Each structure stands twice: as C-alpha cells, then as structure tokens.
Amino acid sequence: MYMPEPAKIHGAQEFDKAKGSAKVVLIDFTATWCGPCRMLGPILEQLATEYKPEDMKLFKLDVDENNDLSNKFHISAVPAVAFFKNGQQQGQLLVGLRKKDDYKKMIDAFLK
C-alpha cells in the first residue's frame, strides 16, 4: 500500500497552519537520531491512511530543527505525539513508542 510521506513542519508559522488543517491533527515530535522515532513513523503513517484527510492529518516536527517549538511544548524526550482538535491541543503528549491502537483510540475519541 502506498503511504505518502507526512508533511514536515519548519517553524511556528507552518505549525500554526498545520494544527488546524483537519478535525484531528497529530504532530509527531521526532529526531533523525532517535531509534524509537524511526519505528513509530511507519505506524503513524499507516494510521493516517485509515482516515479521510479532512478528519485526520499527520505532521512531523524535527525537534533539532525547531528548538523554539520543542521548548514551547516542553519536549524532553522523543518520540512525543501531540493531538490537536479544531486547532486546540488535547490532553497530554503521548511520549515514547506506543501501540498503533493507543493512537487510534485517541483519534477516534477526538472525532466523536
């Protein structure tokens, strides 16, 4: 199955545009040197294909390239996934590598 590469966020302006671009938006705070991040990527990318683009979108944010945003969200460990609904952050960051179902349950709850 073809999975498009998720859009990457570079800077606060792109972040502000991205977080309101679908009903639910996942921001994957990641780093190129992070093994668990590389394992999580394909899980989230596959999940993104299971929803309509207007319902759920996935974006990647490299913490090393976006220090200001990483600090704003108090990212101290990666991978960390932030959930946004209608442009507003929902709940806590999911830090560390989780099962696909953990992310799916949260997305489905926010879509209700």
N, C-alpha and C. Protein backbone atom coordinates (compact mmCIF):
# COMPACT_ATOMS: atom_id res chain seq x y z
N MET A 1 0.84 -1.18 0.00
CA MET A 1 0.00 0.00 0.00
C MET A 1 0.89 1.24 0.00
N TYR A 2 0.55 2.21 -0.82
CA TYR A 2 1.30 3.45 -0.91
C TYR A 2 0.97 4.35 0.27
N MET A 3 2.01 4.83 0.93
CA MET A 3 1.81 5.76 2.04
C MET A 3 2.58 7.04 1.74
N PRO A 4 1.87 8.13 1.54
CA PRO A 4 2.57 9.39 1.28
C PRO A 4 3.39 9.81 2.49
N GLU A 5 4.51 10.44 2.24
CA GLU A 5 5.36 10.97 3.30
C GLU A 5 4.60 12.09 4.03
N PRO A 6 4.54 12.03 5.37
CA PRO A 6 3.83 13.11 6.07
C PRO A 6 4.56 14.45 5.89
N ALA A 7 3.82 15.52 5.91
CA ALA A 7 4.40 16.84 5.77
C ALA A 7 5.27 17.14 6.97
N LYS A 8 6.37 17.83 6.71
CA LYS A 8 7.27 18.24 7.79
C LYS A 8 7.01 19.71 8.12
N ILE A 9 7.08 20.03 9.39
CA ILE A 9 6.86 21.40 9.85
C ILE A 9 8.20 22.07 10.08
N HIS A 10 8.33 23.25 9.51
CA HIS A 10 9.54 24.06 9.69
C HIS A 10 9.10 25.42 10.23
N GLY A 11 9.14 25.59 11.53
CA GLY A 11 8.86 26.88 12.12
C GLY A 11 7.42 27.07 12.60
N ALA A 12 7.25 28.12 13.39
CA ALA A 12 5.97 28.39 14.06
C ALA A 12 4.85 28.69 13.09
N GLN A 13 5.14 29.36 11.99
CA GLN A 13 4.08 29.72 11.03
C GLN A 13 3.47 28.45 10.41
N GLU A 14 4.32 27.52 9.98
CA GLU A 14 3.83 26.25 9.42
C GLU A 14 3.10 25.44 10.49
N PHE A 15 3.59 25.50 11.72
CA PHE A 15 2.95 24.79 12.82
C PHE A 15 1.53 25.31 13.03
N ASP A 16 1.38 26.63 13.08
CA ASP A 16 0.05 27.22 13.30
C ASP A 16 -0.92 26.85 12.19
N LYS A 17 -0.42 26.79 10.97
CA LYS A 17 -1.27 26.40 9.83
C LYS A 17 -1.64 24.92 9.92
N ALA A 18 -0.67 24.09 10.28
CA ALA A 18 -0.87 22.63 10.31
C ALA A 18 -1.87 22.21 11.38
N LYS A 19 -1.79 22.80 12.58
CA LYS A 19 -2.59 22.29 13.70
C LYS A 19 -4.09 22.45 13.51
N GLY A 20 -4.51 23.30 12.58
CA GLY A 20 -5.93 23.46 12.31
C GLY A 20 -6.36 22.94 10.95
N SER A 21 -5.51 22.10 10.33
CA SER A 21 -5.75 21.69 8.94
C SER A 21 -6.69 20.49 8.79
N ALA A 22 -7.12 19.90 9.89
CA ALA A 22 -8.07 18.78 9.87
C ALA A 22 -8.79 18.77 11.21
N LYS A 23 -9.84 17.93 11.32
CA LYS A 23 -10.56 17.85 12.60
C LYS A 23 -9.60 17.43 13.71
N VAL A 24 -8.78 16.42 13.44
CA VAL A 24 -7.77 15.95 14.38
C VAL A 24 -6.42 15.98 13.68
N VAL A 25 -5.44 16.59 14.35
CA VAL A 25 -4.09 16.66 13.79
C VAL A 25 -3.13 16.05 14.80
N LEU A 26 -2.26 15.17 14.30
CA LEU A 26 -1.19 14.60 15.11
C LEU A 26 0.11 15.28 14.72
N ILE A 27 0.82 15.78 15.71
CA ILE A 27 2.15 16.33 15.48
C ILE A 27 3.13 15.35 16.12
N ASP A 28 3.96 14.74 15.28
CA ASP A 28 4.95 13.77 15.72
C ASP A 28 6.26 14.52 15.96
N PHE A 29 6.58 14.80 17.24
CA PHE A 29 7.86 15.41 17.60
C PHE A 29 8.90 14.30 17.52
N THR A 30 9.87 14.47 16.62
CA THR A 30 10.78 13.38 16.29
C THR A 30 12.20 13.91 16.13
N ALA A 31 13.14 12.99 15.96
CA ALA A 31 14.54 13.35 15.69
C ALA A 31 15.15 12.27 14.80
N THR A 32 16.02 12.68 13.90
CA THR A 32 16.61 11.73 12.95
C THR A 32 17.46 10.67 13.65
N TRP A 33 18.06 11.01 14.79
CA TRP A 33 18.95 10.11 15.51
C TRP A 33 18.21 9.15 16.46
N CYS A 34 16.89 9.29 16.54
CA CYS A 34 16.09 8.56 17.53
C CYS A 34 15.55 7.24 16.95
N GLY A 35 16.03 6.11 17.49
CA GLY A 35 15.58 4.80 17.02
C GLY A 35 14.08 4.57 17.19
N PRO A 36 13.53 4.79 18.38
CA PRO A 36 12.08 4.62 18.56
C PRO A 36 11.26 5.53 17.64
N CYS A 37 11.79 6.72 17.32
CA CYS A 37 11.09 7.62 16.39
C CYS A 37 10.98 6.97 15.01
N ARG A 38 12.06 6.34 14.58
CA ARG A 38 12.05 5.69 13.26
C ARG A 38 11.10 4.50 13.25
N MET A 39 10.92 3.86 14.41
CA MET A 39 9.97 2.75 14.50
C MET A 39 8.52 3.26 14.51
N LEU A 40 8.30 4.41 15.14
CA LEU A 40 6.95 4.96 15.25
C LEU A 40 6.46 5.53 13.91
N GLY A 41 7.37 6.12 13.14
CA GLY A 41 6.99 6.76 11.87
C GLY A 41 6.04 5.94 11.02
N PRO A 42 6.42 4.70 10.65
CA PRO A 42 5.55 3.89 9.79
C PRO A 42 4.19 3.56 10.44
N ILE A 43 4.16 3.44 11.77
CA ILE A 43 2.90 3.16 12.47
C ILE A 43 1.94 4.33 12.28
N LEU A 44 2.44 5.55 12.52
CA LEU A 44 1.58 6.73 12.38
C LEU A 44 1.21 6.98 10.91
N GLU A 45 2.17 6.73 10.01
CA GLU A 45 1.88 6.93 8.58
C GLU A 45 0.79 5.98 8.11
N GLN A 46 0.83 4.74 8.58
CA GLN A 46 -0.21 3.77 8.19
C GLN A 46 -1.55 4.20 8.77
N LEU A 47 -1.54 4.65 10.00
CA LEU A 47 -2.75 5.13 10.66
C LEU A 47 -3.37 6.29 9.87
N ALA A 48 -2.53 7.19 9.38
CA ALA A 48 -3.02 8.36 8.63
C ALA A 48 -3.77 7.94 7.37
N THR A 49 -3.43 6.79 6.79
CA THR A 49 -4.11 6.34 5.57
C THR A 49 -5.50 5.79 5.88
N GLU A 50 -5.80 5.53 7.16
CA GLU A 50 -7.08 4.94 7.54
C GLU A 50 -8.18 5.97 7.78
N TYR A 51 -7.82 7.24 7.67
CA TYR A 51 -8.79 8.33 7.89
C TYR A 51 -8.83 9.22 6.66
N LYS A 52 -9.96 9.90 6.48
CA LYS A 52 -10.06 10.90 5.42
C LYS A 52 -9.18 12.08 5.81
N PRO A 53 -8.54 12.73 4.82
CA PRO A 53 -7.64 13.85 5.13
C PRO A 53 -8.30 14.99 5.90
N GLU A 54 -9.60 15.19 5.69
CA GLU A 54 -10.27 16.28 6.44
C GLU A 54 -10.52 15.89 7.90
N ASP A 55 -10.48 14.56 8.19
CA ASP A 55 -10.70 14.09 9.55
C ASP A 55 -9.40 14.02 10.36
N MET A 56 -8.32 13.55 9.73
CA MET A 56 -7.06 13.37 10.46
C MET A 56 -5.87 13.62 9.56
N LYS A 57 -4.92 14.39 10.05
CA LYS A 57 -3.67 14.62 9.34
C LYS A 57 -2.51 14.43 10.30
N LEU A 58 -1.39 13.99 9.72
CA LEU A 58 -0.17 13.74 10.47
C LEU A 58 0.92 14.67 9.96
N PHE A 59 1.65 15.27 10.90
CA PHE A 59 2.79 16.11 10.56
C PHE A 59 3.97 15.68 11.42
N LYS A 60 5.17 15.80 10.85
CA LYS A 60 6.40 15.51 11.60
C LYS A 60 7.09 16.84 11.92
N LEU A 61 7.63 16.91 13.13
CA LEU A 61 8.36 18.10 13.55
C LEU A 61 9.69 17.64 14.15
N ASP A 62 10.78 17.98 13.48
CA ASP A 62 12.12 17.60 13.95
C ASP A 62 12.50 18.53 15.10
N VAL A 63 12.72 17.95 16.27
CA VAL A 63 12.99 18.77 17.47
C VAL A 63 14.31 19.52 17.35
N ASP A 64 15.26 18.97 16.61
CA ASP A 64 16.55 19.64 16.46
C ASP A 64 16.47 20.85 15.54
N GLU A 65 15.55 20.82 14.59
CA GLU A 65 15.38 21.94 13.65
C GLU A 65 14.39 22.98 14.17
N ASN A 66 13.63 22.64 15.19
CA ASN A 66 12.57 23.52 15.71
C ASN A 66 12.67 23.65 17.22
N ASN A 67 13.80 24.16 17.69
CA ASN A 67 14.02 24.28 19.15
C ASN A 67 12.95 25.10 19.83
N ASP A 68 12.51 26.18 19.18
CA ASP A 68 11.52 27.07 19.81
C ASP A 68 10.21 26.31 20.06
N LEU A 69 9.75 25.54 19.08
CA LEU A 69 8.51 24.78 19.25
C LEU A 69 8.69 23.62 20.24
N SER A 70 9.85 22.99 20.21
CA SER A 70 10.13 21.90 21.15
C SER A 70 10.08 22.43 22.59
N ASN A 71 10.67 23.59 22.79
CA ASN A 71 10.66 24.20 24.13
C ASN A 71 9.26 24.62 24.54
N LYS A 72 8.50 25.18 23.59
CA LYS A 72 7.13 25.63 23.88
C LYS A 72 6.27 24.47 24.39
N PHE A 73 6.49 23.28 23.84
CA PHE A 73 5.70 22.10 24.23
C PHE A 73 6.42 21.24 25.27
N HIS A 74 7.53 21.76 25.81
CA HIS A 74 8.27 21.08 26.88
C HIS A 74 8.66 19.66 26.48
N ILE A 75 9.16 19.52 25.25
CA ILE A 75 9.58 18.20 24.78
C ILE A 75 10.92 17.87 25.42
N SER A 76 10.93 16.83 26.26
CA SER A 76 12.17 16.41 26.91
C SER A 76 12.59 15.02 26.47
N ALA A 77 11.72 14.34 25.74
CA ALA A 77 12.01 13.00 25.21
C ALA A 77 11.23 12.82 23.92
N VAL A 78 11.82 12.08 23.00
CA VAL A 78 11.15 11.76 21.74
C VAL A 78 11.16 10.24 21.58
N PRO A 79 10.19 9.68 20.85
CA PRO A 79 9.10 10.39 20.18
C PRO A 79 8.04 10.89 21.17
N ALA A 80 7.43 11.99 20.78
CA ALA A 80 6.30 12.55 21.53
C ALA A 80 5.26 12.98 20.51
N VAL A 81 4.01 12.61 20.74
CA VAL A 81 2.94 12.94 19.80
C VAL A 81 1.93 13.83 20.51
N ALA A 82 1.66 14.98 19.86
CA ALA A 82 0.65 15.91 20.37
C ALA A 82 -0.60 15.77 19.51
N PHE A 83 -1.76 15.85 20.15
CA PHE A 83 -3.04 15.75 19.46
C PHE A 83 -3.72 17.12 19.49
N PHE A 84 -4.24 17.53 18.34
CA PHE A 84 -4.98 18.78 18.24
C PHE A 84 -6.34 18.50 17.65
N LYS A 85 -7.37 19.13 18.21
CA LYS A 85 -8.72 19.04 17.66
C LYS A 85 -9.17 20.47 17.42
N ASN A 86 -9.58 20.73 16.19
CA ASN A 86 -10.00 22.08 15.80
C ASN A 86 -8.96 23.12 16.20
N GLY A 87 -7.68 22.77 16.04
CA GLY A 87 -6.59 23.70 16.30
C GLY A 87 -6.16 23.84 17.74
N GLN A 88 -6.85 23.15 18.67
CA GLN A 88 -6.52 23.24 20.11
C GLN A 88 -5.89 21.94 20.59
N GLN A 89 -4.81 22.04 21.35
CA GLN A 89 -4.17 20.84 21.87
C GLN A 89 -5.11 20.12 22.82
N GLN A 90 -5.12 18.79 22.71
CA GLN A 90 -5.99 17.94 23.53
C GLN A 90 -5.14 17.04 24.41
N GLY A 91 -5.43 17.04 25.70
CA GLY A 91 -4.80 16.09 26.61
C GLY A 91 -3.29 16.23 26.67
N GLN A 92 -2.66 15.16 27.12
CA GLN A 92 -1.22 15.12 27.32
C GLN A 92 -0.53 14.62 26.06
N LEU A 93 0.77 14.90 25.98
CA LEU A 93 1.59 14.30 24.92
C LEU A 93 1.69 12.80 25.18
N LEU A 94 1.67 12.02 24.11
CA LEU A 94 1.99 10.59 24.25
C LEU A 94 3.49 10.46 24.00
N VAL A 95 4.24 10.18 25.04
CA VAL A 95 5.69 10.12 24.94
C VAL A 95 6.13 8.66 24.87
N GLY A 96 7.08 8.39 23.99
CA GLY A 96 7.60 7.04 23.83
C GLY A 96 6.85 6.28 22.75
N LEU A 97 7.36 5.12 22.43
CA LEU A 97 6.78 4.28 21.39
C LEU A 97 5.58 3.54 21.95
N ARG A 98 4.43 3.73 21.35
CA ARG A 98 3.19 3.06 21.79
C ARG A 98 2.66 2.17 20.67
N LYS A 99 1.64 1.37 21.02
CA LYS A 99 1.00 0.53 20.01
C LYS A 99 0.09 1.40 19.14
N LYS A 100 -0.12 0.95 17.92
CA LYS A 100 -0.98 1.67 16.98
C LYS A 100 -2.36 1.93 17.58
N ASP A 101 -2.90 0.94 18.30
CA ASP A 101 -4.23 1.07 18.90
C ASP A 101 -4.33 2.23 19.89
N ASP A 102 -3.23 2.52 20.60
CA ASP A 102 -3.24 3.63 21.56
C ASP A 102 -3.53 4.96 20.85
N TYR A 103 -2.91 5.14 19.69
CA TYR A 103 -3.12 6.37 18.93
C TYR A 103 -4.51 6.37 18.29
N LYS A 104 -4.92 5.21 17.77
CA LYS A 104 -6.22 5.10 17.10
C LYS A 104 -7.36 5.42 18.06
N LYS A 105 -7.28 4.89 19.29
CA LYS A 105 -8.33 5.15 20.28
C LYS A 105 -8.47 6.65 20.56
N MET A 106 -7.34 7.33 20.66
CA MET A 106 -7.39 8.77 20.94
C MET A 106 -7.97 9.54 19.76
N ILE A 107 -7.54 9.20 18.56
CA ILE A 107 -8.07 9.86 17.36
C ILE A 107 -9.58 9.67 17.28
N ASP A 108 -10.01 8.42 17.44
CA ASP A 108 -11.45 8.13 17.36
C ASP A 108 -12.24 8.89 18.41
N ALA A 109 -11.71 9.00 19.62
CA ALA A 109 -12.39 9.73 20.70
C ALA A 109 -12.52 11.21 20.33
N PHE A 110 -11.47 11.78 19.74
CA PHE A 110 -11.50 13.21 19.38
C PHE A 110 -12.41 13.47 18.17
N LEU A 111 -12.65 12.46 17.35
CA LEU A 111 -13.52 12.63 16.18
C LEU A 111 -14.99 12.55 16.54
N LYS A 112 -15.31 12.06 17.75
CA LYS A 112 -16.73 11.92 18.15
C LYS A 112 -17.35 13.27 18.43
